[in-house]
N, C-alpha and C. Protein backbone atom coordinates (compact mmCIF):
# COMPACT_ATOMS: atom_id res chain seq x y z
N UNK A 1 128.15 86.45 103.11
CA UNK A 1 128.84 86.47 104.54
C UNK A 1 130.47 86.59 103.92
N UNK A 2 131.24 87.50 104.67
CA UNK A 2 132.53 88.15 104.23
C UNK A 2 133.38 86.93 104.56
N UNK A 3 134.34 86.38 103.82
CA UNK A 3 135.61 85.79 104.05
C UNK A 3 135.78 86.01 105.60
N UNK A 4 136.68 87.24 105.64
CA UNK A 4 136.79 87.82 106.48
C UNK A 4 136.42 88.92 107.52
N UNK A 5 136.21 89.21 108.79
CA UNK A 5 135.82 90.23 109.32
C UNK A 5 136.67 91.46 109.42
N UNK A 6 137.61 90.99 109.84
CA UNK A 6 138.78 92.80 109.89
C UNK A 6 139.74 92.40 108.90
N UNK A 7 140.42 91.19 108.78
CA UNK A 7 141.66 91.29 107.82
C UNK A 7 141.26 91.66 106.39
N UNK A 8 142.37 92.15 106.04
CA UNK A 8 142.33 92.67 104.53
C UNK A 8 141.35 93.75 104.32
N UNK A 9 140.31 94.67 105.01
CA UNK A 9 139.73 95.59 105.30
C UNK A 9 140.06 96.86 104.72
N UNK A 10 141.35 97.09 105.10
CA UNK A 10 141.82 98.41 104.71
C UNK A 10 142.27 98.52 103.23
N UNK A 11 142.66 100.26 102.86
CA UNK A 11 143.25 100.29 101.60
C UNK A 11 144.29 101.96 101.96
N UNK A 12 144.55 102.10 100.79
CA UNK A 12 145.54 103.17 100.82
C UNK A 12 145.28 103.87 99.31
N UNK A 13 145.97 105.34 99.67
CA UNK A 13 145.50 106.41 98.60
C UNK A 13 146.64 107.12 98.57
N UNK A 14 146.71 107.41 97.15
CA UNK A 14 147.67 108.26 96.78
C UNK A 14 147.15 109.59 96.03
N UNK A 15 147.41 110.79 96.08
CA UNK A 15 147.12 112.07 95.36
C UNK A 15 145.47 112.43 96.00
N UNK A 16 144.75 113.25 94.63
CA UNK A 16 143.40 113.23 95.37
C UNK A 16 142.82 112.47 95.11
N UNK A 17 142.44 111.15 95.49
CA UNK A 17 141.93 110.03 94.66
C UNK A 17 140.03 110.25 95.40
N UNK A 18 140.41 110.50 96.31
CA UNK A 18 138.98 110.72 97.50
C UNK A 18 138.38 111.92 96.60
N UNK A 19 138.83 113.10 96.22
CA UNK A 19 138.09 114.14 95.88
C UNK A 19 138.20 114.31 94.51
N UNK A 20 138.57 113.19 93.78
CA UNK A 20 138.23 113.21 92.30
C UNK A 20 136.95 113.94 91.58
N UNK A 21 135.97 113.67 92.54
CA UNK A 21 134.59 113.85 91.49
C UNK A 21 134.40 115.61 91.70
N UNK A 22 135.01 116.06 92.36
CA UNK A 22 135.20 117.80 92.42
C UNK A 22 135.68 118.48 91.50
N UNK A 23 136.81 117.73 90.72
CA UNK A 23 137.15 118.53 89.66
C UNK A 23 136.42 118.74 88.20
N UNK A 24 136.09 119.97 88.04
CA UNK A 24 135.02 120.17 86.83
C UNK A 24 136.11 119.84 85.21
N UNK A 25 137.43 119.84 85.32
CA UNK A 25 138.18 119.75 84.31
C UNK A 25 138.60 117.93 84.48
N UNK A 26 138.62 116.79 83.59
CA UNK A 26 138.47 115.66 84.05
C UNK A 26 140.29 115.55 83.96
N UNK A 27 140.97 116.62 83.22
CA UNK A 27 142.58 116.52 83.29
C UNK A 27 143.03 116.81 84.63
N UNK A 28 142.30 117.43 85.13
CA UNK A 28 142.67 117.81 86.83
C UNK A 28 143.00 116.38 87.68
N UNK A 29 141.80 115.42 87.20
CA UNK A 29 141.44 114.34 88.14
C UNK A 29 142.81 113.68 88.52
N UNK A 30 143.21 112.82 89.64
CA UNK A 30 144.47 112.25 89.62
C UNK A 30 144.44 111.96 90.92
N UNK A 31 145.34 110.74 91.46
CA UNK A 31 145.35 109.79 92.14
C UNK A 31 145.15 108.46 92.08
N UNK A 32 145.08 107.59 93.21
CA UNK A 32 144.80 106.49 93.00
C UNK A 32 144.74 105.80 94.27
N UNK A 33 144.11 104.68 94.75
CA UNK A 33 143.68 103.83 95.88
C UNK A 33 144.40 102.43 95.62
N UNK A 34 144.41 101.68 96.50
CA UNK A 34 144.55 100.01 96.50
C UNK A 34 144.20 99.17 97.45
N UNK A 35 143.84 98.07 97.32
CA UNK A 35 143.01 97.45 97.98
C UNK A 35 143.98 95.90 98.06
N UNK A 36 143.79 95.04 99.33
CA UNK A 36 144.50 94.06 99.10
C UNK A 36 143.67 93.23 99.43
N UNK A 37 143.39 91.96 98.31
CA UNK A 37 142.33 90.54 98.37
C UNK A 37 143.29 89.49 98.48
N UNK A 38 142.85 88.73 99.73
CA UNK A 38 142.98 87.10 99.69
C UNK A 38 142.07 86.42 100.37
N UNK A 39 141.85 85.18 100.39
CA UNK A 39 140.68 84.19 100.86
C UNK A 39 141.38 83.21 101.88
N UNK A 40 140.99 82.72 102.54
CA UNK A 40 140.77 81.78 103.25
C UNK A 40 141.53 80.31 102.87
N UNK A 41 141.23 80.20 101.99
CA UNK A 41 141.94 79.00 101.23
C UNK A 41 142.40 79.86 99.81
N UNK A 42 143.51 79.88 99.09
CA UNK A 42 143.83 80.52 97.80
C UNK A 42 144.72 80.22 97.29
N UNK A 43 145.27 80.35 95.97
CA UNK A 43 146.31 79.92 95.28
C UNK A 43 146.65 81.07 94.76
N UNK A 44 146.57 82.27 95.00
CA UNK A 44 147.24 83.64 94.73
C UNK A 44 146.72 84.85 95.53
N UNK A 45 147.27 85.67 95.56
CA UNK A 45 146.82 86.83 96.07
C UNK A 45 146.38 88.13 95.20
N UNK A 46 146.14 89.01 95.72
CA UNK A 46 145.85 90.40 94.46
C UNK A 46 145.78 91.63 94.90
N UNK A 47 146.42 92.80 94.41
CA UNK A 47 145.90 93.64 94.65
C UNK A 47 145.47 94.37 93.37
N UNK A 48 144.13 95.36 94.22
CA UNK A 48 143.26 95.91 92.87
C UNK A 48 143.89 97.39 93.37
N UNK A 49 143.80 98.28 92.05
CA UNK A 49 144.49 99.58 92.13
C UNK A 49 143.38 100.40 91.55
N UNK A 50 142.87 101.28 91.96
CA UNK A 50 142.04 102.00 90.91
C UNK A 50 142.41 103.10 90.73
N UNK A 51 142.59 103.67 89.46
CA UNK A 51 143.59 105.09 89.09
C UNK A 51 142.39 105.92 88.27
N UNK A 52 142.99 106.98 87.62
CA UNK A 52 142.48 107.75 86.42
C UNK A 52 143.21 107.33 85.11
N UNK A 53 144.20 107.64 85.36
CA UNK A 53 144.83 107.37 84.23
C UNK A 53 145.18 106.36 83.56
N UNK A 54 144.63 106.05 81.93
CA UNK A 54 144.79 104.64 81.74
C UNK A 54 146.57 104.26 81.67
N UNK A 55 147.67 104.77 81.80
CA UNK A 55 148.58 104.01 81.22
C UNK A 55 149.72 104.50 82.57
N UNK A 56 148.82 104.41 83.96
CA UNK A 56 149.77 104.68 85.20
C UNK A 56 150.32 103.66 85.22
N UNK A 57 151.66 104.01 85.80
CA UNK A 57 153.09 103.00 85.95
C UNK A 57 152.47 102.56 87.24
N UNK A 58 152.52 101.37 87.52
CA UNK A 58 152.37 100.60 89.07
C UNK A 58 153.12 99.61 89.13
N UNK A 59 153.66 99.56 90.21
CA UNK A 59 154.75 98.81 90.50
C UNK A 59 154.61 98.17 91.83
N UNK A 60 155.06 96.48 91.49
CA UNK A 60 155.40 96.11 92.93
C UNK A 60 156.66 95.40 93.29
N UNK A 61 156.97 96.21 94.42
CA UNK A 61 158.19 95.97 95.03
C UNK A 61 158.54 95.44 96.17
N UNK A 62 159.44 94.49 96.37
CA UNK A 62 159.67 93.74 97.58
C UNK A 62 160.33 92.50 97.23
N UNK A 63 160.27 91.40 98.12
CA UNK A 63 160.84 90.07 97.82
C UNK A 63 159.78 88.86 98.27
N UNK A 64 160.60 87.89 97.77
CA UNK A 64 159.66 86.68 98.13
C UNK A 64 158.11 86.45 97.45
N UNK A 65 158.06 87.07 96.22
CA UNK A 65 156.65 87.02 95.26
C UNK A 65 156.91 86.83 94.08
N UNK A 66 155.77 86.45 93.21
CA UNK A 66 156.04 86.18 92.01
C UNK A 66 154.50 86.88 91.20
N UNK A 67 154.55 88.14 90.02
CA UNK A 67 153.32 88.32 89.63
C UNK A 67 153.04 87.36 88.71
N UNK A 68 151.72 86.82 88.74
CA UNK A 68 151.37 85.78 87.59
C UNK A 68 150.23 86.54 86.79
N UNK A 69 149.54 87.75 87.04
CA UNK A 69 148.97 88.26 85.98
C UNK A 69 148.31 89.41 86.57
N UNK A 70 148.12 90.15 85.09
CA UNK A 70 147.96 91.94 85.47
C UNK A 70 146.88 91.88 84.45
N UNK A 71 146.16 92.60 85.06
CA UNK A 71 144.82 93.06 83.98
C UNK A 71 144.05 94.22 84.02
N UNK A 72 144.18 95.29 83.45
CA UNK A 72 142.90 96.45 83.62
C UNK A 72 141.76 96.50 82.92
N UNK A 73 141.24 97.20 83.67
CA UNK A 73 139.37 97.13 83.18
C UNK A 73 139.23 98.88 83.29
N UNK A 74 138.30 99.08 82.33
CA UNK A 74 137.71 100.65 82.39
C UNK A 74 136.43 100.66 83.21
N UNK A 75 136.18 101.51 83.77
CA UNK A 75 134.77 101.36 84.33
C UNK A 75 134.17 103.03 84.10
N UNK A 76 133.08 103.24 83.34
CA UNK A 76 132.61 104.59 82.73
C UNK A 76 131.79 104.88 83.90
N UNK A 77 131.71 106.44 84.44
CA UNK A 77 130.92 106.85 85.36
C UNK A 77 130.58 108.13 84.87
N UNK A 78 129.85 108.65 85.55
CA UNK A 78 129.30 110.27 85.36
C UNK A 78 128.45 110.48 86.43
N UNK A 79 128.78 111.69 87.35
CA UNK A 79 128.16 111.95 88.18
C UNK A 79 127.64 113.75 87.72
N UNK A 80 126.35 113.82 87.97
CA UNK A 80 126.07 115.01 87.59
C UNK A 80 126.92 115.75 86.40
N UNK A 81 126.68 114.93 85.02
CA UNK A 81 127.41 115.67 83.89
C UNK A 81 129.27 115.53 84.10
N UNK A 82 129.63 115.16 85.12
CA UNK A 82 131.10 114.88 85.37
C UNK A 82 131.50 113.92 85.20
N UNK A 83 132.49 113.68 84.19
CA UNK A 83 133.22 112.36 83.88
C UNK A 83 134.05 112.06 85.33
N UNK A 84 133.53 110.65 85.78
CA UNK A 84 134.41 110.63 86.77
C UNK A 84 134.69 108.77 86.78
N UNK A 85 135.13 108.40 85.60
CA UNK A 85 135.46 107.06 84.99
C UNK A 85 136.77 106.96 85.81
N UNK A 86 137.17 105.25 85.67
CA UNK A 86 138.18 104.93 86.12
C UNK A 86 138.87 103.98 85.80
N UNK A 87 139.85 103.36 86.11
CA UNK A 87 140.41 102.27 85.66
C UNK A 87 140.55 101.10 86.94
N UNK A 88 140.69 100.08 87.01
CA UNK A 88 141.23 99.06 88.29
C UNK A 88 142.04 98.14 87.20
N UNK A 89 143.49 98.44 87.93
CA UNK A 89 144.39 96.80 87.65
C UNK A 89 144.33 96.28 88.59
N UNK A 90 144.30 95.03 87.94
CA UNK A 90 144.55 94.08 89.15
C UNK A 90 145.47 93.22 89.15
N UNK A 91 146.65 92.71 90.03
CA UNK A 91 148.01 92.58 89.92
C UNK A 91 147.84 91.20 90.63
N UNK A 92 147.75 90.23 90.26
CA UNK A 92 147.89 88.67 91.21
C UNK A 92 149.17 88.34 91.26
N UNK A 93 149.32 87.71 92.52
CA UNK A 93 150.92 87.23 92.52
C UNK A 93 150.63 86.12 93.65
N UNK A 94 151.78 85.20 93.61
CA UNK A 94 151.88 84.03 94.36
C UNK A 94 153.35 84.58 95.39
N UNK A 95 153.14 83.49 96.16
CA UNK A 95 154.18 83.73 97.52
C UNK A 95 155.14 82.66 96.72
N UNK A 96 156.52 83.33 96.90
CA UNK A 96 157.83 82.36 96.16
C UNK A 96 158.78 81.79 97.22
N UNK A 97 158.62 82.50 98.57
CA UNK A 97 159.13 82.47 99.78
C UNK A 97 158.62 82.27 100.99
N UNK A 98 159.09 81.80 101.96
CA UNK A 98 158.11 81.53 103.38
C UNK A 98 158.44 82.89 104.15
N UNK A 99 159.13 83.93 103.59
CA UNK A 99 158.93 85.26 104.36
C UNK A 99 159.50 86.50 103.12
N UNK A 100 158.54 87.35 103.42
CA UNK A 100 158.84 88.33 102.57
C UNK A 100 157.75 89.71 102.56
N UNK A 101 157.60 90.25 101.84
CA UNK A 101 156.85 91.52 101.49
C UNK A 101 156.61 92.52 100.24
N UNK A 102 155.47 92.81 99.83
CA UNK A 102 154.94 92.96 98.72
C UNK A 102 154.59 94.69 98.75
N UNK A 103 154.71 95.58 97.73
CA UNK A 103 154.72 97.11 98.16
C UNK A 103 154.05 97.55 96.94
N UNK A 104 153.00 98.13 96.43
CA UNK A 104 152.43 98.84 95.76
C UNK A 104 153.39 100.44 95.62
N UNK A 105 153.65 100.47 94.67
CA UNK A 105 154.39 101.95 94.21
C UNK A 105 153.94 102.47 93.22
N UNK A 106 153.64 103.60 93.18
CA UNK A 106 153.21 104.48 91.75
C UNK A 106 153.92 105.78 91.80
N UNK A 107 155.18 105.68 91.08
CA UNK A 107 156.06 106.88 90.99
C UNK A 107 155.38 108.31 90.86
N UNK A 108 154.38 108.55 89.52
CA UNK A 108 153.83 109.31 89.57
C UNK A 108 153.01 110.23 90.41
N UNK A 109 152.40 109.31 91.25
CA UNK A 109 151.62 110.11 92.34
C UNK A 109 151.92 109.71 93.84
N UNK A 110 153.28 110.38 94.27
CA UNK A 110 153.83 110.69 95.46
C UNK A 110 153.35 111.45 95.95
N UNK A 111 152.10 112.64 96.02
CA UNK A 111 151.81 113.45 96.98
C UNK A 111 150.84 112.71 97.72
N UNK A 112 150.97 112.98 98.88
CA UNK A 112 150.06 112.12 99.78
C UNK A 112 150.12 110.88 100.20
N UNK A 113 151.30 110.32 99.53
CA UNK A 113 151.48 108.75 99.55
C UNK A 113 151.17 107.84 101.27
N UNK A 114 150.23 107.10 100.91
CA UNK A 114 150.41 106.01 102.25
C UNK A 114 151.27 105.00 101.60
N UNK A 115 151.64 104.45 102.99
CA UNK A 115 152.77 103.28 102.89
C UNK A 115 151.61 102.16 102.14
N UNK A 116 151.90 101.34 101.43
CA UNK A 116 150.84 100.32 101.13
C UNK A 116 151.63 99.04 100.80
N UNK A 117 152.00 98.27 101.84
CA UNK A 117 152.48 97.18 101.81
C UNK A 117 152.02 95.88 102.71
N UNK A 118 152.27 94.78 102.12
CA UNK A 118 151.59 93.72 102.97
C UNK A 118 153.17 92.48 103.44
N UNK A 119 153.25 92.25 104.23
CA UNK A 119 154.24 91.15 104.51
C UNK A 119 153.79 90.10 105.11
N UNK A 120 155.05 88.82 105.36
CA UNK A 120 154.66 87.70 105.66
C UNK A 120 156.04 87.14 106.08
N UNK A 121 155.62 85.76 106.99
CA UNK A 121 156.64 85.57 107.61
C UNK A 121 156.10 83.58 107.66
N UNK A 122 156.88 82.94 108.56
CA UNK A 122 156.63 81.63 108.70
C UNK A 122 155.10 81.31 108.79
N UNK A 123 154.77 82.20 109.71
CA UNK A 123 153.44 81.84 110.78
C UNK A 123 152.65 82.71 110.29
N UNK A 124 152.60 84.21 110.15
CA UNK A 124 151.46 84.90 110.11
C UNK A 124 151.74 85.81 108.70
N UNK A 125 150.97 86.32 108.22
CA UNK A 125 150.56 87.46 106.96
C UNK A 125 149.85 88.95 107.79
N UNK A 126 150.40 89.74 107.49
CA UNK A 126 150.17 91.06 107.53
C UNK A 126 149.29 91.78 106.70
N UNK A 127 148.11 92.52 106.63
CA UNK A 127 147.36 93.24 105.55
C UNK A 127 148.03 94.62 105.26
N UNK A 128 147.46 95.70 104.75
CA UNK A 128 147.70 97.15 104.44
C UNK A 128 147.45 98.04 106.00
N UNK A 129 146.79 97.43 107.17
CA UNK A 129 146.67 98.14 108.10
C UNK A 129 147.38 97.28 109.14
N UNK A 130 148.55 96.59 108.82
CA UNK A 130 149.18 95.58 109.49
C UNK A 130 148.59 94.77 110.68
N UNK A 131 147.39 94.33 110.50
CA UNK A 131 146.41 93.24 111.09
C UNK A 131 146.87 91.90 110.62
N UNK A 132 147.03 91.50 111.65
CA UNK A 132 147.71 90.01 111.69
C UNK A 132 146.52 88.71 111.60
N UNK A 133 146.88 87.53 110.48
CA UNK A 133 146.48 86.38 110.47
C UNK A 133 147.25 85.54 110.30
N UNK A 134 146.93 83.97 111.02
CA UNK A 134 147.51 83.09 110.39
C UNK A 134 148.13 82.55 108.90
N UNK A 135 149.04 82.06 108.66
CA UNK A 135 149.27 82.40 107.13
C UNK A 135 150.08 80.42 106.86
N UNK A 136 149.28 79.84 106.37
CA UNK A 136 150.22 78.49 106.14
C UNK A 136 150.37 78.16 104.53
N UNK A 137 151.44 78.12 104.35
CA UNK A 137 151.80 78.05 102.90
C UNK A 137 151.88 76.20 102.20
N UNK A 138 151.23 76.20 102.12
CA UNK A 138 151.00 74.58 101.98
C UNK A 138 151.81 74.37 100.55
N UNK A 139 152.09 75.43 99.58
CA UNK A 139 152.74 75.07 97.98
C UNK A 139 153.04 76.47 97.74
N UNK A 140 153.43 76.42 96.53
CA UNK A 140 153.46 77.56 95.83
C UNK A 140 152.53 78.17 95.26
N UNK A 141 151.12 77.57 95.21
CA UNK A 141 150.01 78.24 94.89
C UNK A 141 149.01 77.43 95.75
N UNK A 142 149.08 77.19 96.94
CA UNK A 142 147.98 77.01 97.74
C UNK A 142 148.20 77.42 99.42
N UNK A 143 147.41 78.37 99.85
CA UNK A 143 147.86 79.22 101.05
C UNK A 143 146.53 78.83 101.70
N UNK A 144 146.46 78.69 103.25
CA UNK A 144 145.62 79.02 104.09
C UNK A 144 145.78 79.92 105.00
N UNK A 145 144.54 80.87 105.01
CA UNK A 145 144.91 82.22 105.90
C UNK A 145 143.82 82.18 106.94
N UNK A 146 144.03 82.36 108.40
CA UNK A 146 143.17 82.19 109.25
C UNK A 146 143.05 83.37 110.02
N UNK A 147 142.00 84.29 110.27
CA UNK A 147 141.82 85.44 110.79
C UNK A 147 141.78 85.33 112.08
N UNK A 148 142.76 86.41 112.72
CA UNK A 148 142.93 86.11 114.40
C UNK A 148 141.73 87.22 114.66
N UNK A 149 140.90 86.68 115.60
CA UNK A 149 139.93 87.11 116.38
C UNK A 149 140.08 86.99 118.01
N UNK A 150 139.32 87.86 118.68
CA UNK A 150 139.25 87.92 120.25
C UNK A 150 137.71 86.85 120.27
N UNK A 151 137.89 86.56 121.55
CA UNK A 151 136.39 86.02 121.72
C UNK A 151 135.23 86.82 121.77
N UNK A 152 135.66 88.25 122.16
CA UNK A 152 134.74 89.02 122.15
C UNK A 152 134.65 89.48 120.86
N UNK A 153 135.04 89.92 119.65
CA UNK A 153 135.06 90.05 118.37
C UNK A 153 134.55 88.78 117.96
N UNK A 154 134.46 87.94 118.39
CA UNK A 154 133.82 86.38 117.54
C UNK A 154 132.13 86.58 118.09
N UNK A 155 131.95 87.23 119.34
CA UNK A 155 130.67 86.93 119.80
C UNK A 155 129.91 88.45 118.97
N UNK A 156 130.54 89.53 119.14
CA UNK A 156 129.75 90.87 118.56
C UNK A 156 129.70 90.52 117.17
N UNK A 157 130.48 89.82 115.99
CA UNK A 157 130.25 89.24 115.06
C UNK A 157 129.10 88.52 114.80
N UNK A 158 129.16 87.13 115.54
CA UNK A 158 128.13 86.56 115.51
C UNK A 158 126.83 87.27 115.97
N UNK A 159 126.39 87.92 116.98
CA UNK A 159 125.18 89.06 117.05
C UNK A 159 124.89 89.46 115.87
N UNK A 160 125.96 90.08 115.34
CA UNK A 160 125.73 91.07 114.03
C UNK A 160 125.17 90.25 113.39
N UNK A 161 125.63 89.20 112.80
CA UNK A 161 124.86 88.35 111.61
C UNK A 161 123.47 87.67 112.04
N UNK A 162 123.25 87.90 113.60
CA UNK A 162 121.71 87.36 113.94
C UNK A 162 120.88 88.40 113.68
N UNK A 163 121.61 89.92 113.99
CA UNK A 163 120.65 91.43 113.91
C UNK A 163 120.12 91.04 112.27
N UNK A 164 121.53 91.25 111.26
CA UNK A 164 121.27 91.04 109.96
C UNK A 164 119.98 90.20 109.60
N UNK A 165 120.03 89.07 110.22
CA UNK A 165 119.33 87.95 109.68
C UNK A 165 117.51 88.53 110.22
N UNK A 166 117.94 88.57 111.55
CA UNK A 166 116.53 89.26 112.03
C UNK A 166 115.92 90.69 111.03
N UNK A 167 116.58 91.39 110.55
CA UNK A 167 116.08 92.42 109.86
C UNK A 167 115.76 92.24 108.45
N UNK A 168 116.16 90.92 108.07
CA UNK A 168 115.57 90.09 106.65
C UNK A 168 114.42 89.74 106.93
N UNK A 169 114.26 88.97 108.02
CA UNK A 169 113.19 88.24 108.14
C UNK A 169 112.00 89.20 108.38
N UNK A 170 111.88 90.57 109.25
CA UNK A 170 111.13 91.45 109.46
C UNK A 170 110.81 92.15 108.16
N UNK A 171 111.92 92.15 107.27
CA UNK A 171 111.19 92.73 105.81
C UNK A 171 110.51 91.88 105.11
N UNK A 172 110.81 91.08 105.18
CA UNK A 172 109.99 89.86 104.36
C UNK A 172 108.44 89.86 104.97
N UNK A 173 108.43 89.93 106.30
CA UNK A 173 106.97 90.21 106.62
C UNK A 173 106.52 91.48 106.48
N UNK A 174 107.21 92.22 105.82
CA UNK A 174 106.65 93.77 105.33
C UNK A 174 106.61 94.77 106.86
N UNK A 175 107.13 94.31 107.99
CA UNK A 175 107.23 95.22 109.06
C UNK A 175 108.32 96.09 108.81
N UNK A 176 108.27 97.27 108.24
CA UNK A 176 109.12 98.08 108.14
C UNK A 176 109.53 99.09 109.59
N UNK A 177 108.45 98.68 110.17
CA UNK A 177 108.30 99.75 111.48
C UNK A 177 109.34 99.03 112.72
N UNK A 178 109.18 97.55 112.53
CA UNK A 178 110.40 96.71 113.48
C UNK A 178 111.75 96.72 112.70
N UNK A 179 111.59 96.69 111.37
CA UNK A 179 112.96 96.83 110.93
C UNK A 179 113.60 98.25 111.35
N UNK A 180 112.77 99.35 111.47
CA UNK A 180 113.37 100.74 111.80
C UNK A 180 113.99 100.78 113.16
N UNK A 181 113.14 100.15 113.95
CA UNK A 181 113.22 100.19 115.76
C UNK A 181 114.52 99.30 115.62
N UNK A 182 114.54 98.07 114.97
CA UNK A 182 116.10 97.42 114.92
C UNK A 182 117.55 98.07 114.90
N UNK A 183 117.20 98.83 113.58
CA UNK A 183 118.13 99.81 112.99
C UNK A 183 118.49 100.81 114.24
N UNK A 184 117.53 101.20 114.49
CA UNK A 184 117.69 102.42 115.92
C UNK A 184 118.79 101.70 117.30
N UNK A 185 118.23 100.82 117.35
CA UNK A 185 118.96 100.17 118.58
C UNK A 185 120.20 99.48 118.05
N UNK A 186 120.23 99.37 116.75
CA UNK A 186 121.91 99.05 116.55
C UNK A 186 122.76 100.27 116.52
N UNK A 187 122.05 101.22 116.00
CA UNK A 187 122.91 102.51 115.82
C UNK A 187 123.46 102.86 117.45
N UNK A 188 121.98 102.91 118.60
CA UNK A 188 122.56 103.31 119.99
C UNK A 188 123.44 102.11 120.67
N UNK A 189 123.80 101.11 119.85
CA UNK A 189 124.67 100.25 120.70
C UNK A 189 124.01 98.87 121.54
N UNK A 190 123.22 98.98 121.09
CA UNK A 190 122.07 97.93 121.70
C UNK A 190 122.53 96.49 121.68
N UNK A 191 122.93 96.12 120.46
CA UNK A 191 123.37 95.24 119.96
C UNK A 191 124.88 94.79 119.96
N UNK A 192 125.44 95.63 121.30
CA UNK A 192 127.07 95.27 121.19
C UNK A 192 127.27 95.05 122.67
N UNK A 193 128.02 93.60 122.50
CA UNK A 193 128.65 93.01 123.74
C UNK A 193 129.91 93.54 124.23
N UNK A 194 129.75 94.26 125.33
CA UNK A 194 131.40 94.67 126.00
C UNK A 194 131.64 93.74 127.34
């Protein structure tokens, strides 16, 4: 099960990140994408920045935070003979003030740049899509984050969990016909509370 249902699900992109697999020449590939990671109880938060160039300059700007670790890992990939390899730079940071903001900035990739920032105050933290969650800063390295969901969202997520569990049960019974019917009903919106 996921830690959060909607908080922290978004991402941002720079340049031609989404279309990188279309370039014949690997030197024409560019762009980057970033994702924000946090957990219900955590000692730090992080940005994962996926990029093409190994030495891409990535900056975190803002106030009320301190970077505690940065690491880059190479991920080789090949799609139909084309080099689609990429790097993932993980930047781990801690909150040092009861309010502030952190923004990912990539100076060389300023074409089609999304705003890529999170912010927080004494009570709330806002993710990349500006979704709000309750934030309790218990210490410099101890945070508690609680997602804010409406009753309707809670009910729909609970129903979705039950449907997925039902699909697993019928799959174990080798009843793929029933699994298919469940999938069709789900796509038709039959498992939706309004």
